[in-house]
Amino acid sequence: MDKPVHRGLFLAPFDELADPRVLVEMAGYAEAHGWDGIFLWDHIFYRAPVRAVADPWVALSAVAARTDRLRLGPMVTPLSRRRVQKVARETVTLDHLSGGRLTLGVGLGSDRNNELEPYGEVVDPRERARLLDDRLKRLAAFWDGEFAPRPLQRPRIPVWVAGRWPNRRPVRRARSWDGYFPIDLPGPEALAELASEVQGQDRPFDLVVEIGPGDDVAPWGEAGATWVLTGFTSQPRAAEVREAIEVGPN
């Protein structure tokens, strides 16, 4: 795939970064240093040793109001634990606030963090998959005029679907939307395999990967990535993130 590679930050808004003011600072700093986007994990609870967790939607609203260019969004939101009509209002409002810079990352979510069953959410993965598909369709209908206002972005707010390698069902789901975020990829060769599977789309389609600070971007771009996100641990240190931002996106 001969497409430009965009560079973003992929941050867990936990512990040191649970302060939304720190996240806003990081976003402004990243924009000033030439980064293209910032994406936040979406959790209401996370396993130990994480203690503090921030809401990504509120934080992203603050980021949208304090930046001009960065693409932003949650990565990823499990729609099975959300009321889709509320997500529709939130996404359109954030799309307008950001001037059309929102990308919505979605997925099944995971039961490994003890944030489903204790709160009465669906645990069965097949049912979560069914709910994800149904709520994506409803979300598209809300965006298409069932709710007013409509999003600024046309034909819709971009949707990136996440899935774990080597599962192919999420790949098939993603082909109906705007991008795929494969988790636990073993290397660029696996991404190239996925890229061959999603070729032939009649609209822009993103392949999104996560790398560590200082990792080489080039092999991923050559394999077909359109977005390469620098990720950290589930307990990111603010100083570590600032250092990665200063090094720059290349």
C-alpha atoms as a PDB file:
ATOM      1  CA  MET A   1       0.000   0.000   0.000  1.00  0.00           C
ATOM      2  CA  ASP A   2       1.535   3.289  -1.123  1.00  0.00           C
ATOM      3  CA  LYS A   3       0.019   5.580   1.487  1.00  0.00           C
ATOM      4  CA  PRO A   4       1.518   8.192   3.820  1.00  0.00           C
ATOM      5  CA  VAL A   5       2.267   7.045   7.352  1.00  0.00           C
ATOM      6  CA  HIS A   6       0.791   9.194  10.102  1.00  0.00           C
ATOM      7  CA  ARG A   7       2.289   9.163  13.579  1.00  0.00           C
ATOM      8  CA  GLY A   8       0.350   9.269  16.819  1.00  0.00           C
ATOM      9  CA  LEU A   9       0.539   8.689  20.559  1.00  0.00           C
ATOM     10  CA  PHE A  10      -1.408   5.861  22.197  1.00  0.00           C
ATOM     11  CA  LEU A  11      -1.822   6.611  25.889  1.00  0.00           C
ATOM     12  CA  ALA A  12      -3.482   4.907  28.831  1.00  0.00           C
ATOM     13  CA  PRO A  13      -5.052   7.696  30.913  1.00  0.00           C
ATOM     14  CA  PHE A  14      -4.030   5.931  34.111  1.00  0.00           C
ATOM     15  CA  ASP A  15      -2.170   6.875  37.283  1.00  0.00           C
ATOM     16  CA  GLU A  16       0.254   9.708  36.344  1.00  0.00           C
ATOM     17  CA  LEU A  17      -1.791  10.398  33.206  1.00  0.00           C
ATOM     18  CA  ALA A  18      -5.151  10.145  34.956  1.00  0.00           C
ATOM     19  CA  ASP A  19      -4.983  13.917  35.471  1.00  0.00           C
ATOM     20  CA  PRO A  20      -6.732  15.326  32.372  1.00  0.00           C
ATOM     21  CA  ARG A  21      -4.654  18.494  32.627  1.00  0.00           C
ATOM     22  CA  VAL A  22      -1.540  16.383  32.040  1.00  0.00           C
ATOM     23  CA  LEU A  23      -3.157  14.790  28.975  1.00  0.00           C
ATOM     24  CA  VAL A  24      -4.026  18.206  27.560  1.00  0.00           C
ATOM     25  CA  GLU A  25      -0.446  19.323  28.143  1.00  0.00           C
ATOM     26  CA  MET A  26       0.866  16.219  26.365  1.00  0.00           C
ATOM     27  CA  ALA A  27      -1.441  16.785  23.413  1.00  0.00           C
ATOM     28  CA  GLY A  28      -0.381  20.392  22.952  1.00  0.00           C
ATOM     29  CA  TYR A  29       3.256  19.391  23.259  1.00  0.00           C
ATOM     30  CA  ALA A  30       2.788  16.633  20.677  1.00  0.00           C
ATOM     31  CA  GLU A  31       1.110  18.984  18.228  1.00  0.00           C
ATOM     32  CA  ALA A  32       3.961  21.463  18.589  1.00  0.00           C
ATOM     33  CA  HIS A  33       6.482  18.681  17.847  1.00  0.00           C
ATOM     34  CA  GLY A  34       4.814  17.535  14.634  1.00  0.00           C
ATOM     35  CA  TRP A  35       2.793  14.516  15.750  1.00  0.00           C
ATOM     36  CA  ASP A  36      -0.424  13.736  13.885  1.00  0.00           C
ATOM     37  CA  GLY A  37      -2.716  12.268  16.529  1.00  0.00           C
ATOM     38  CA  ILE A  38      -3.403  11.236  20.099  1.00  0.00           C
ATOM     39  CA  PHE A  39      -5.559   8.275  21.119  1.00  0.00           C
ATOM     40  CA  LEU A  40      -6.611   7.236  24.626  1.00  0.00           C
ATOM     41  CA  TRP A  41      -7.465   3.843  26.100  1.00  0.00           C
ATOM     42  CA  ASP A  42     -11.138   3.574  27.113  1.00  0.00           C
ATOM     43  CA  HIS A  43     -11.649   1.783  30.437  1.00  0.00           C
ATOM     44  CA  ILE A  44     -13.699   2.311  33.563  1.00  0.00           C
ATOM     45  CA  PHE A  45     -11.508  -0.032  35.625  1.00  0.00           C
ATOM     46  CA  TYR A  46      -8.146  -1.684  35.102  1.00  0.00           C
ATOM     47  CA  ARG A  47      -6.353  -4.501  36.821  1.00  0.00           C
ATOM     48  CA  ALA A  48      -3.637  -3.996  39.449  1.00  0.00           C
ATOM     49  CA  PRO A  49      -1.243  -2.315  39.818  1.00  0.00           C
ATOM     50  CA  VAL A  50      -3.215   0.454  38.052  1.00  0.00           C
ATOM     51  CA  ARG A  51      -5.268   2.481  40.506  1.00  0.00           C
ATOM     52  CA  ALA A  52      -6.373   5.799  39.005  1.00  0.00           C
ATOM     53  CA  VAL A  53      -8.322   5.874  35.708  1.00  0.00           C
ATOM     54  CA  ALA A  54      -9.520   8.940  33.787  1.00  0.00           C
ATOM     55  CA  ASP A  55     -12.506   9.112  31.464  1.00  0.00           C
ATOM     56  CA  PRO A  56     -11.171   9.374  27.894  1.00  0.00           C
ATOM     57  CA  TRP A  57     -14.183  11.208  26.503  1.00  0.00           C
ATOM     58  CA  VAL A  58     -13.959  14.123  28.909  1.00  0.00           C
ATOM     59  CA  ALA A  59     -10.178  14.258  28.440  1.00  0.00           C
ATOM     60  CA  LEU A  60     -10.512  14.180  24.639  1.00  0.00           C
ATOM     61  CA  SER A  61     -12.983  17.052  24.759  1.00  0.00           C
ATOM     62  CA  ALA A  62     -10.402  19.131  26.600  1.00  0.00           C
ATOM     63  CA  VAL A  63      -7.737  18.058  24.095  1.00  0.00           C
ATOM     64  CA  ALA A  64     -10.009  19.018  21.190  1.00  0.00           C
ATOM     65  CA  ALA A  65     -10.525  22.490  22.635  1.00  0.00           C
ATOM     66  CA  ARG A  66      -6.794  23.076  23.123  1.00  0.00           C
ATOM     67  CA  THR A  67      -5.409  21.718  19.824  1.00  0.00           C
ATOM     68  CA  ASP A  68      -5.942  22.603  16.179  1.00  0.00           C
ATOM     69  CA  ARG A  69      -4.544  19.784  14.080  1.00  0.00           C
ATOM     70  CA  LEU A  70      -4.235  16.485  15.982  1.00  0.00           C
ATOM     71  CA  ARG A  71      -6.574  13.644  15.076  1.00  0.00           C
ATOM     72  CA  LEU A  72      -7.970  12.198  18.279  1.00  0.00           C
ATOM     73  CA  GLY A  73     -10.185   9.464  19.602  1.00  0.00           C
ATOM     74  CA  PRO A  74     -10.759   6.598  22.024  1.00  0.00           C
ATOM     75  CA  MET A  75      -8.879   3.356  21.357  1.00  0.00           C
ATOM     76  CA  VAL A  76     -10.979   1.373  21.820  1.00  0.00           C
ATOM     77  CA  THR A  77     -14.547   1.776  23.019  1.00  0.00           C
ATOM     78  CA  PRO A  78     -16.447  -1.494  23.653  1.00  0.00           C
ATOM     79  CA  LEU A  79     -19.895  -0.592  22.340  1.00  0.00           C
ATOM     80  CA  SER A  80     -21.449  -3.562  24.153  1.00  0.00           C
ATOM     81  CA  ARG A  81     -21.194  -1.617  27.417  1.00  0.00           C
ATOM     82  CA  ARG A  82     -22.406   1.692  26.004  1.00  0.00           C
ATOM     83  CA  ARG A  83     -25.848   3.067  25.150  1.00  0.00           C
ATOM     84  CA  VAL A  84     -25.494   3.736  21.461  1.00  0.00           C
ATOM     85  CA  GLN A  85     -27.733   6.816  21.462  1.00  0.00           C
ATOM     86  CA  LYS A  86     -25.454   8.412  24.060  1.00  0.00           C
ATOM     87  CA  VAL A  87     -22.373   7.487  22.019  1.00  0.00           C
ATOM     88  CA  ALA A  88     -24.010   9.104  18.996  1.00  0.00           C
ATOM     89  CA  ARG A  89     -24.482  12.381  20.878  1.00  0.00           C
ATOM     90  CA  GLU A  90     -20.970  12.250  22.330  1.00  0.00           C
ATOM     91  CA  THR A  91     -19.244  11.509  19.036  1.00  0.00           C
ATOM     92  CA  VAL A  92     -21.036  14.195  17.052  1.00  0.00           C
ATOM     93  CA  THR A  93     -20.460  16.781  19.766  1.00  0.00           C
ATOM     94  CA  LEU A  94     -16.752  15.905  19.908  1.00  0.00           C
ATOM     95  CA  ASP A  95     -16.546  15.901  16.112  1.00  0.00           C
ATOM     96  CA  HIS A  96     -17.927  19.456  16.043  1.00  0.00           C
ATOM     97  CA  LEU A  97     -15.768  20.598  18.955  1.00  0.00           C
ATOM     98  CA  SER A  98     -12.626  19.309  17.231  1.00  0.00           C
ATOM     99  CA  GLY A  99     -13.535  20.693  13.823  1.00  0.00           C
ATOM    100  CA  GLY A 100     -13.870  17.211  12.318  1.00  0.00           C
ATOM    101  CA  ARG A 101     -10.818  15.505  13.856  1.00  0.00           C
ATOM    102  CA  LEU A 102     -12.475  12.573  15.673  1.00  0.00           C
ATOM    103  CA  THR A 103     -11.826   8.925  14.865  1.00  0.00           C
ATOM    104  CA  LEU A 104     -13.860   6.359  16.788  1.00  0.00           C
ATOM    105  CA  GLY A 105     -11.993   3.208  17.758  1.00  0.00           C
ATOM    106  CA  VAL A 106     -14.270   0.284  18.652  1.00  0.00           C
ATOM    107  CA  GLY A 107     -13.929  -3.328  19.707  1.00  0.00           C
ATOM    108  CA  LEU A 108     -15.343  -6.129  21.815  1.00  0.00           C
ATOM    109  CA  GLY A 109     -13.454  -5.145  24.941  1.00  0.00           C
ATOM    110  CA  SER A 110     -11.976  -7.677  27.313  1.00  0.00           C
ATOM    111  CA  ASP A 111     -13.101  -9.386  30.509  1.00  0.00           C
ATOM    112  CA  ARG A 112      -9.503  -9.543  31.791  1.00  0.00           C
ATOM    113  CA  ASN A 113      -9.789  -6.242  33.665  1.00  0.00           C
ATOM    114  CA  ASN A 114     -12.827  -7.078  35.786  1.00  0.00           C
ATOM    115  CA  GLU A 115     -14.842  -4.206  34.314  1.00  0.00           C
ATOM    116  CA  LEU A 116     -17.708  -6.172  32.772  1.00  0.00           C
ATOM    117  CA  GLU A 117     -19.388  -8.701  35.054  1.00  0.00           C
ATOM    118  CA  PRO A 118     -19.099  -6.642  38.293  1.00  0.00           C
ATOM    119  CA  TYR A 119     -21.032  -3.834  36.599  1.00  0.00           C
ATOM    120  CA  GLY A 120     -23.699  -5.975  34.955  1.00  0.00           C
ATOM    121  CA  GLU A 121     -22.171  -5.853  31.465  1.00  0.00           C
ATOM    122  CA  VAL A 122     -22.270  -8.643  28.891  1.00  0.00           C
ATOM    123  CA  VAL A 123     -19.372 -11.082  29.304  1.00  0.00           C
ATOM    124  CA  ASP A 124     -19.966 -13.650  26.549  1.00  0.00           C
ATOM    125  CA  PRO A 125     -17.705 -12.667  23.609  1.00  0.00           C
ATOM    126  CA  ARG A 126     -20.167 -13.808  20.937  1.00  0.00           C
ATOM    127  CA  GLU A 127     -22.899 -11.663  22.417  1.00  0.00           C
ATOM    128  CA  ARG A 128     -20.508  -8.732  22.713  1.00  0.00           C
ATOM    129  CA  ALA A 129     -19.657  -9.192  19.027  1.00  0.00           C
ATOM    130  CA  ARG A 130     -23.341  -9.211  18.094  1.00  0.00           C
ATOM    131  CA  LEU A 131     -23.948  -6.064  20.127  1.00  0.00           C
ATOM    132  CA  LEU A 132     -20.948  -4.379  18.535  1.00  0.00           C
ATOM    133  CA  ASP A 133     -22.260  -5.010  15.038  1.00  0.00           C
ATOM    134  CA  ASP A 134     -25.810  -3.957  15.906  1.00  0.00           C
ATOM    135  CA  ARG A 135     -24.680  -0.774  17.634  1.00  0.00           C
ATOM    136  CA  LEU A 136     -22.351   0.204  14.816  1.00  0.00           C
ATOM    137  CA  LYS A 137     -25.314   0.027  12.432  1.00  0.00           C
ATOM    138  CA  ARG A 138     -27.446   2.114  14.788  1.00  0.00           C
ATOM    139  CA  LEU A 139     -24.630   4.604  15.232  1.00  0.00           C
ATOM    140  CA  ALA A 140     -24.331   5.016  11.478  1.00  0.00           C
ATOM    141  CA  ALA A 141     -28.073   5.674  11.246  1.00  0.00           C
ATOM    142  CA  PHE A 142     -27.901   8.338  13.970  1.00  0.00           C
ATOM    143  CA  TRP A 143     -24.991  10.014  12.162  1.00  0.00           C
ATOM    144  CA  ASP A 144     -26.793   9.809   8.815  1.00  0.00           C
ATOM    145  CA  GLY A 145     -29.547  12.174   9.907  1.00  0.00           C
ATOM    146  CA  GLU A 146     -31.628  10.348  12.494  1.00  0.00           C
ATOM    147  CA  PHE A 147     -30.125  12.764  15.022  1.00  0.00           C
ATOM    148  CA  ALA A 148     -29.327  16.427  14.415  1.00  0.00           C
ATOM    149  CA  PRO A 149     -26.801  17.847  14.010  1.00  0.00           C
ATOM    150  CA  ARG A 150     -24.952  15.477  11.743  1.00  0.00           C
ATOM    151  CA  PRO A 151     -21.188  15.058  12.056  1.00  0.00           C
ATOM    152  CA  LEU A 152     -18.944  17.505  10.248  1.00  0.00           C
ATOM    153  CA  GLN A 153     -17.036  14.648   8.631  1.00  0.00           C
ATOM    154  CA  ARG A 154     -18.439  13.031   5.504  1.00  0.00           C
ATOM    155  CA  PRO A 155     -19.574  10.440   4.766  1.00  0.00           C
ATOM    156  CA  ARG A 156     -19.249   9.804   8.517  1.00  0.00           C
ATOM    157  CA  ILE A 157     -16.899   9.912  11.474  1.00  0.00           C
ATOM    158  CA  PRO A 158     -14.150   7.368  10.673  1.00  0.00           C
ATOM    159  CA  VAL A 159     -14.473   4.078  12.570  1.00  0.00           C
ATOM    160  CA  TRP A 160     -11.450   1.895  13.295  1.00  0.00           C
ATOM    161  CA  VAL A 161     -12.217  -1.655  14.417  1.00  0.00           C
ATOM    162  CA  ALA A 162      -9.792  -3.457  16.728  1.00  0.00           C
ATOM    163  CA  GLY A 163      -9.124  -7.178  16.896  1.00  0.00           C
ATOM    164  CA  ARG A 164      -6.496  -9.608  18.163  1.00  0.00           C
ATOM    165  CA  TRP A 165      -4.131 -11.344  15.789  1.00  0.00           C
ATOM    166  CA  PRO A 166      -4.664 -13.827  14.167  1.00  0.00           C
ATOM    167  CA  ASN A 167      -8.474 -13.723  14.525  1.00  0.00           C
ATOM    168  CA  ARG A 168     -10.023 -12.951  11.136  1.00  0.00           C
ATOM    169  CA  ARG A 169     -13.584 -12.119  12.177  1.00  0.00           C
ATOM    170  CA  PRO A 170     -12.609  -8.590  13.271  1.00  0.00           C
ATOM    171  CA  VAL A 171     -10.869  -8.120   9.909  1.00  0.00           C
ATOM    172  CA  ARG A 172     -14.100  -8.920   8.092  1.00  0.00           C
ATOM    173  CA  ARG A 173     -15.969  -6.530  10.386  1.00  0.00           C
ATOM    174  CA  ALA A 174     -13.411  -3.777   9.798  1.00  0.00           C
ATOM    175  CA  ARG A 175     -13.774  -4.004   6.009  1.00  0.00           C
ATOM    176  CA  SER A 176     -17.257  -2.529   6.382  1.00  0.00           C
ATOM    177  CA  TRP A 177     -15.813   0.529   8.144  1.00  0.00           C
ATOM    178  CA  ASP A 178     -12.728   2.707   7.845  1.00  0.00           C
ATOM    179  CA  GLY A 179      -9.753   0.983   9.399  1.00  0.00           C
ATOM    180  CA  TYR A 180      -8.346  -1.915  11.356  1.00  0.00           C
ATOM    181  CA  PHE A 181      -6.229  -1.894  14.518  1.00  0.00           C
ATOM    182  CA  PRO A 182      -4.685  -5.361  14.962  1.00  0.00           C
ATOM    183  CA  ILE A 183      -3.513  -6.124  18.505  1.00  0.00           C
ATOM    184  CA  ASP A 184      -0.608  -8.449  19.344  1.00  0.00           C
ATOM    185  CA  LEU A 185       0.872  -8.491  15.852  1.00  0.00           C
ATOM    186  CA  PRO A 186       4.098 -10.544  15.818  1.00  0.00           C
ATOM    187  CA  GLY A 187       5.755  -8.276  13.256  1.00  0.00           C
ATOM    188  CA  PRO A 188       5.480  -6.337   9.987  1.00  0.00           C
ATOM    189  CA  GLU A 189       5.130  -9.572   8.002  1.00  0.00           C
ATOM    190  CA  ALA A 190       1.801 -10.230   9.696  1.00  0.00           C
ATOM    191  CA  LEU A 191       0.668  -6.694   8.874  1.00  0.00           C
ATOM    192  CA  ALA A 192       1.589  -7.223   5.221  1.00  0.00           C
ATOM    193  CA  GLU A 193      -0.611 -10.317   5.256  1.00  0.00           C
ATOM    194  CA  LEU A 194      -3.506  -8.266   6.616  1.00  0.00           C
ATOM    195  CA  ALA A 195      -2.844  -5.507   4.097  1.00  0.00           C
ATOM    196  CA  SER A 196      -3.293  -7.997   1.261  1.00  0.00           C
ATOM    197  CA  GLU A 197      -6.660  -8.981   2.732  1.00  0.00           C
ATOM    198  CA  VAL A 198      -8.059  -5.446   2.842  1.00  0.00           C
ATOM    199  CA  GLN A 199      -6.810  -4.301  -0.571  1.00  0.00           C
ATOM    200  CA  GLY A 200      -9.388  -3.229  -3.099  1.00  0.00           C
ATOM    201  CA  GLN A 201     -11.428  -0.996  -0.808  1.00  0.00           C
ATOM    202  CA  ASP A 202     -13.341   1.658  -2.767  1.00  0.00           C
ATOM    203  CA  ARG A 203     -12.667   4.273  -0.045  1.00  0.00           C
ATOM    204  CA  PRO A 204      -9.802   5.260   2.237  1.00  0.00           C
ATOM    205  CA  PHE A 205      -8.939   2.497   4.706  1.00  0.00           C
ATOM    206  CA  ASP A 206      -6.416   2.715   7.540  1.00  0.00           C
ATOM    207  CA  LEU A 207      -4.189   0.031   8.987  1.00  0.00           C
ATOM    208  CA  VAL A 208      -3.132   1.080  12.482  1.00  0.00           C
ATOM    209  CA  VAL A 209      -0.300  -0.441  14.508  1.00  0.00           C
ATOM    210  CA  GLU A 210       1.309   0.190  17.879  1.00  0.00           C
ATOM    211  CA  ILE A 211       5.072   0.286  18.432  1.00  0.00           C
ATOM    212  CA  GLY A 212       7.246   1.114  21.413  1.00  0.00           C
ATOM    213  CA  PRO A 213       9.166   4.368  21.950  1.00  0.00           C
ATOM    214  CA  GLY A 214      12.214   4.425  19.710  1.00  0.00           C
ATOM    215  CA  ASP A 215      11.091   1.528  17.497  1.00  0.00           C
ATOM    216  CA  ASP A 216      11.695   1.811  13.751  1.00  0.00           C
ATOM    217  CA  VAL A 217       8.639   3.017  11.855  1.00  0.00           C
ATOM    218  CA  ALA A 218       9.872   2.179   8.357  1.00  0.00           C
ATOM    219  CA  PRO A 219       9.163  -1.599   8.306  1.00  0.00           C
ATOM    220  CA  TRP A 220       5.591  -0.986   9.355  1.00  0.00           C
ATOM    221  CA  GLY A 221       5.022   1.636   6.681  1.00  0.00           C
ATOM    222  CA  GLU A 222       6.496  -0.690   4.076  1.00  0.00           C
ATOM    223  CA  ALA A 223       4.125  -3.433   5.269  1.00  0.00           C
ATOM    224  CA  GLY A 224       1.080  -1.216   4.744  1.00  0.00           C
ATOM    225  CA  ALA A 225       0.512   0.756   7.956  1.00  0.00           C
ATOM    226  CA  THR A 226      -1.118   4.153   7.461  1.00  0.00           C
ATOM    227  CA  TRP A 227      -0.974   5.044  11.178  1.00  0.00           C
ATOM    228  CA  VAL A 228       1.860   4.035  13.511  1.00  0.00           C
ATOM    229  CA  LEU A 229       1.125   4.810  17.153  1.00  0.00           C
ATOM    230  CA  THR A 230       3.791   5.004  19.828  1.00  0.00           C
ATOM    231  CA  GLY A 231       2.424   3.190  22.856  1.00  0.00           C
ATOM    232  CA  PHE A 232       3.597   2.837  26.424  1.00  0.00           C
ATOM    233  CA  THR A 233       2.748   0.599  29.369  1.00  0.00           C
ATOM    234  CA  SER A 234      -0.507   0.564  31.313  1.00  0.00           C
ATOM    235  CA  GLN A 235       1.241   2.857  33.801  1.00  0.00           C
ATOM    236  CA  PRO A 236       2.834   5.455  31.542  1.00  0.00           C
ATOM    237  CA  ARG A 237       5.273   7.871  33.139  1.00  0.00           C
ATOM    238  CA  ALA A 238       4.695  11.486  32.176  1.00  0.00           C
ATOM    239  CA  ALA A 239       8.446  12.071  31.797  1.00  0.00           C
ATOM    240  CA  GLU A 240       8.759   9.080  29.456  1.00  0.00           C
ATOM    241  CA  VAL A 241       5.934  10.342  27.255  1.00  0.00           C
ATOM    242  CA  ARG A 242       7.410  13.848  27.114  1.00  0.00           C
ATOM    243  CA  GLU A 243      10.761  12.398  26.099  1.00  0.00           C
ATOM    244  CA  ALA A 244       9.186  10.389  23.279  1.00  0.00           C
ATOM    245  CA  ILE A 245       7.314  13.472  22.089  1.00  0.00           C
ATOM    246  CA  GLU A 246      10.521  15.499  22.021  1.00  0.00           C
ATOM    247  CA  VAL A 247      12.331  12.856  19.978  1.00  0.00           C
ATOM    248  CA  GLY A 248       9.647  13.438  17.382  1.00  0.00           C
ATOM    249  CA  PRO A 249       7.391  11.293  15.220  1.00  0.00           C
ATOM    250  CA  ASN A 250      10.040  10.080  12.748  1.00  0.00           C
END
